[in-house]
Amino acid sequence: MITITTTFTIIITMTFTTFTIITTMIFITFTTIITMTFTAFTIIIITFTIFTIIITITFTTITIITTMIFTIIITITFTTFTIIITMTFTTFTIIITRTFTIITIIITRTFTIIITMMFTTITIITITFTTITTIFT
């Protein structure tokens, strides 16, 4: 009788021990699978975050550089056009002013010469009449 009881005790003990070992192994396996899955998802999310940051920084840098280049080009173009327009108007102003000055000088000298010639002619005529009058008197 002792042997049967001992045998049953050993069988029951071994069964429970085996069941406990199998249950523990299944639990450890599922825990490991779940932990590895969450770790993988975390690594994927971190990778996507890093890629998003890199893409954002790249596009921001490209946008800033493009904006700076276009701003510099537009500024240089408008500055050049402003300088060209200013120089053109300045040149035209100088040409017009000099032209009017030269015309004024020519008109003034011409009138001065004409008036001087008129007075000289009048003086010559007066001298001539005076001489003729003196001769005939």
C-alpha atoms as a PDB file:
ATOM      1  CA  MET A   1       0.000   0.000   0.000  1.00  0.00           C
ATOM      2  CA  ILE A   2       2.832   2.359   0.748  1.00  0.00           C
ATOM      3  CA  THR A   3       4.227   1.870  -2.695  1.00  0.00           C
ATOM      4  CA  ILE A   4       0.938   2.706  -4.379  1.00  0.00           C
ATOM      5  CA  THR A   5       0.542   5.832  -2.293  1.00  0.00           C
ATOM      6  CA  THR A   6       4.136   6.817  -2.898  1.00  0.00           C
ATOM      7  CA  THR A   7       3.727   6.142  -6.608  1.00  0.00           C
ATOM      8  CA  PHE A   8       0.559   8.253  -6.750  1.00  0.00           C
ATOM      9  CA  THR A   9       2.267  11.010  -4.790  1.00  0.00           C
ATOM     10  CA  ILE A  10       5.235  10.950  -7.167  1.00  0.00           C
ATOM     11  CA  ILE A  11       2.914  10.920 -10.214  1.00  0.00           C
ATOM     12  CA  ILE A  12       0.818  13.816  -8.871  1.00  0.00           C
ATOM     13  CA  THR A  13       3.923  15.739  -7.801  1.00  0.00           C
ATOM     14  CA  MET A  14       5.596  15.191 -11.197  1.00  0.00           C
ATOM     15  CA  THR A  15       2.375  16.143 -13.011  1.00  0.00           C
ATOM     16  CA  PHE A  16       2.045  19.401 -11.061  1.00  0.00           C
ATOM     17  CA  THR A  17       5.759  20.109 -11.440  1.00  0.00           C
ATOM     18  CA  THR A  18       5.557  19.477 -15.205  1.00  0.00           C
ATOM     19  CA  PHE A  19       2.393  21.598 -15.454  1.00  0.00           C
ATOM     20  CA  THR A  20       4.088  24.397 -13.477  1.00  0.00           C
ATOM     21  CA  ILE A  21       7.206  24.222 -15.657  1.00  0.00           C
ATOM     22  CA  ILE A  22       5.105  24.227 -18.887  1.00  0.00           C
ATOM     23  CA  THR A  23       2.904  27.096 -17.606  1.00  0.00           C
ATOM     24  CA  THR A  24       5.951  29.088 -16.546  1.00  0.00           C
ATOM     25  CA  MET A  25       7.654  28.486 -19.904  1.00  0.00           C
ATOM     26  CA  ILE A  26       4.490  29.549 -21.794  1.00  0.00           C
ATOM     27  CA  PHE A  27       4.176  32.676 -19.604  1.00  0.00           C
ATOM     28  CA  ILE A  28       7.879  33.540 -20.085  1.00  0.00           C
ATOM     29  CA  THR A  29       7.542  32.986 -23.857  1.00  0.00           C
ATOM     30  CA  PHE A  30       4.428  35.219 -24.136  1.00  0.00           C
ATOM     31  CA  THR A  31       6.021  37.862 -21.904  1.00  0.00           C
ATOM     32  CA  THR A  32       9.160  37.814 -24.056  1.00  0.00           C
ATOM     33  CA  ILE A  33       7.114  38.027 -27.295  1.00  0.00           C
ATOM     34  CA  ILE A  34       5.025  40.957 -25.955  1.00  0.00           C
ATOM     35  CA  THR A  35       8.116  42.764 -24.623  1.00  0.00           C
ATOM     36  CA  MET A  36      10.016  42.279 -27.897  1.00  0.00           C
ATOM     37  CA  THR A  37       6.960  43.440 -29.903  1.00  0.00           C
ATOM     38  CA  PHE A  38       6.641  46.637 -27.847  1.00  0.00           C
ATOM     39  CA  THR A  39      10.398  47.177 -28.070  1.00  0.00           C
ATOM     40  CA  ALA A  40      10.250  46.747 -31.850  1.00  0.00           C
ATOM     41  CA  PHE A  41       7.305  49.176 -32.082  1.00  0.00           C
ATOM     42  CA  THR A  42       9.181  51.648 -29.890  1.00  0.00           C
ATOM     43  CA  ILE A  43      12.277  51.371 -32.104  1.00  0.00           C
ATOM     44  CA  ILE A  44      10.111  51.836 -35.240  1.00  0.00           C
ATOM     45  CA  ILE A  45       8.416  54.917 -33.716  1.00  0.00           C
ATOM     46  CA  ILE A  46      11.804  56.368 -32.684  1.00  0.00           C
ATOM     47  CA  THR A  47      13.153  55.694 -36.202  1.00  0.00           C
ATOM     48  CA  PHE A  48      10.152  57.406 -37.824  1.00  0.00           C
ATOM     49  CA  THR A  49      10.539  60.329 -35.423  1.00  0.00           C
ATOM     50  CA  ILE A  50      14.225  60.675 -36.315  1.00  0.00           C
ATOM     51  CA  PHE A  51      13.406  60.481 -40.055  1.00  0.00           C
ATOM     52  CA  THR A  52      10.651  63.079 -39.601  1.00  0.00           C
ATOM     53  CA  ILE A  53      13.062  65.390 -37.762  1.00  0.00           C
ATOM     54  CA  ILE A  54      15.737  64.900 -40.459  1.00  0.00           C
ATOM     55  CA  ILE A  55      13.219  65.540 -43.281  1.00  0.00           C
ATOM     56  CA  THR A  56      11.817  68.605 -41.477  1.00  0.00           C
ATOM     57  CA  ILE A  57      15.293  70.040 -40.865  1.00  0.00           C
ATOM     58  CA  THR A  58      16.270  69.340 -44.494  1.00  0.00           C
ATOM     59  CA  PHE A  59      13.163  71.009 -45.957  1.00  0.00           C
ATOM     60  CA  THR A  60      13.463  73.926 -43.532  1.00  0.00           C
ATOM     61  CA  THR A  61      17.110  74.396 -44.506  1.00  0.00           C
ATOM     62  CA  ILE A  62      16.282  74.183 -48.227  1.00  0.00           C
ATOM     63  CA  THR A  63      13.438  76.685 -47.755  1.00  0.00           C
ATOM     64  CA  ILE A  64      15.656  79.092 -45.811  1.00  0.00           C
ATOM     65  CA  ILE A  65      18.500  78.842 -48.362  1.00  0.00           C
ATOM     66  CA  THR A  66      16.099  79.258 -51.318  1.00  0.00           C
ATOM     67  CA  THR A  67      14.417  82.223 -49.655  1.00  0.00           C
ATOM     68  CA  MET A  68      17.780  83.846 -48.921  1.00  0.00           C
ATOM     69  CA  ILE A  69      19.001  83.302 -52.488  1.00  0.00           C
ATOM     70  CA  PHE A  70      15.792  84.726 -54.009  1.00  0.00           C
ATOM     71  CA  THR A  71      15.849  87.649 -51.566  1.00  0.00           C
ATOM     72  CA  ILE A  72      19.466  88.430 -52.449  1.00  0.00           C
ATOM     73  CA  ILE A  73      18.764  88.129 -56.203  1.00  0.00           C
ATOM     74  CA  ILE A  74      15.638  90.325 -55.974  1.00  0.00           C
ATOM     75  CA  THR A  75      17.454  92.884 -53.798  1.00  0.00           C
ATOM     76  CA  ILE A  76      20.439  93.044 -56.163  1.00  0.00           C
ATOM     77  CA  THR A  77      18.123  93.303 -59.187  1.00  0.00           C
ATOM     78  CA  PHE A  78      16.032  96.115 -57.693  1.00  0.00           C
ATOM     79  CA  THR A  79      19.140  97.912 -56.443  1.00  0.00           C
ATOM     80  CA  THR A  80      20.707  97.666 -59.902  1.00  0.00           C
ATOM     81  CA  PHE A  81      17.526  98.920 -61.574  1.00  0.00           C
ATOM     82  CA  THR A  82      17.290 101.765 -59.071  1.00  0.00           C
ATOM     83  CA  ILE A  83      20.919 102.737 -59.702  1.00  0.00           C
ATOM     84  CA  ILE A  84      20.434 102.541 -63.499  1.00  0.00           C
ATOM     85  CA  ILE A  85      17.221 104.615 -63.372  1.00  0.00           C
ATOM     86  CA  THR A  86      18.798 107.160 -61.015  1.00  0.00           C
ATOM     87  CA  MET A  87      21.909 107.482 -63.170  1.00  0.00           C
ATOM     88  CA  THR A  88      19.792 107.799 -66.314  1.00  0.00           C
ATOM     89  CA  PHE A  89      17.656 110.574 -64.813  1.00  0.00           C
ATOM     90  CA  THR A  90      20.754 112.274 -63.420  1.00  0.00           C
ATOM     91  CA  THR A  91      22.417 112.117 -66.831  1.00  0.00           C
ATOM     92  CA  PHE A  92      19.293 113.484 -68.552  1.00  0.00           C
ATOM     93  CA  THR A  93      19.048 116.249 -65.959  1.00  0.00           C
ATOM     94  CA  ILE A  94      22.704 117.171 -66.472  1.00  0.00           C
ATOM     95  CA  ILE A  95      22.294 117.102 -70.282  1.00  0.00           C
ATOM     96  CA  ILE A  96      19.117 119.232 -70.154  1.00  0.00           C
ATOM     97  CA  THR A  97      20.646 121.696 -67.666  1.00  0.00           C
ATOM     98  CA  ARG A  98      23.838 122.070 -69.705  1.00  0.00           C
ATOM     99  CA  THR A  99      21.852 122.413 -72.912  1.00  0.00           C
ATOM    100  CA  PHE A 100      19.701 125.186 -71.428  1.00  0.00           C
ATOM    101  CA  THR A 101      22.797 126.842 -69.991  1.00  0.00           C
ATOM    102  CA  ILE A 102      24.526 126.754 -73.384  1.00  0.00           C
ATOM    103  CA  ILE A 103      21.366 128.032 -75.126  1.00  0.00           C
ATOM    104  CA  THR A 104      21.062 130.817 -72.541  1.00  0.00           C
ATOM    105  CA  ILE A 105      24.724 131.764 -73.005  1.00  0.00           C
ATOM    106  CA  ILE A 106      24.341 131.743 -76.816  1.00  0.00           C
ATOM    107  CA  ILE A 107      21.145 133.853 -76.673  1.00  0.00           C
ATOM    108  CA  THR A 108      22.681 136.265 -74.145  1.00  0.00           C
ATOM    109  CA  ARG A 109      25.875 136.717 -76.177  1.00  0.00           C
ATOM    110  CA  THR A 110      23.936 137.040 -79.404  1.00  0.00           C
ATOM    111  CA  PHE A 111      21.687 139.738 -77.949  1.00  0.00           C
ATOM    112  CA  THR A 112      24.692 141.452 -76.425  1.00  0.00           C
ATOM    113  CA  ILE A 113      26.493 141.418 -79.791  1.00  0.00           C
ATOM    114  CA  ILE A 114      23.330 142.617 -81.606  1.00  0.00           C
ATOM    115  CA  ILE A 115      22.738 145.437 -79.120  1.00  0.00           C
ATOM    116  CA  THR A 116      26.418 146.413 -79.224  1.00  0.00           C
ATOM    117  CA  MET A 117      26.344 146.404 -83.020  1.00  0.00           C
ATOM    118  CA  MET A 118      23.181 148.489 -83.002  1.00  0.00           C
ATOM    119  CA  PHE A 119      24.749 151.090 -80.751  1.00  0.00           C
ATOM    120  CA  THR A 120      27.945 151.010 -82.770  1.00  0.00           C
ATOM    121  CA  THR A 121      25.928 151.489 -85.971  1.00  0.00           C
ATOM    122  CA  ILE A 122      23.943 154.302 -84.411  1.00  0.00           C
ATOM    123  CA  THR A 123      27.174 155.891 -83.225  1.00  0.00           C
ATOM    124  CA  ILE A 124      28.753 155.527 -86.677  1.00  0.00           C
ATOM    125  CA  ILE A 125      25.627 157.003 -88.301  1.00  0.00           C
ATOM    126  CA  THR A 126      25.635 159.860 -85.810  1.00  0.00           C
ATOM    127  CA  ILE A 127      29.319 160.532 -86.428  1.00  0.00           C
ATOM    128  CA  THR A 128      28.703 160.371 -90.153  1.00  0.00           C
ATOM    129  CA  PHE A 129      25.782 162.828 -89.958  1.00  0.00           C
ATOM    130  CA  THR A 130      27.774 165.075 -87.700  1.00  0.00           C
ATOM    131  CA  THR A 131      30.687 165.010 -90.092  1.00  0.00           C
ATOM    132  CA  ILE A 132      28.467 165.641 -93.094  1.00  0.00           C
ATOM    133  CA  THR A 133      26.685 168.432 -91.283  1.00  0.00           C
ATOM    134  CA  THR A 134      29.957 169.959 -90.226  1.00  0.00           C
ATOM    135  CA  ILE A 135      31.321 169.750 -93.762  1.00  0.00           C
ATOM    136  CA  PHE A 136      28.263 171.429 -95.288  1.00  0.00           C
ATOM    137  CA  THR A 137      28.017 174.124 -92.755  1.00  0.00           C
END
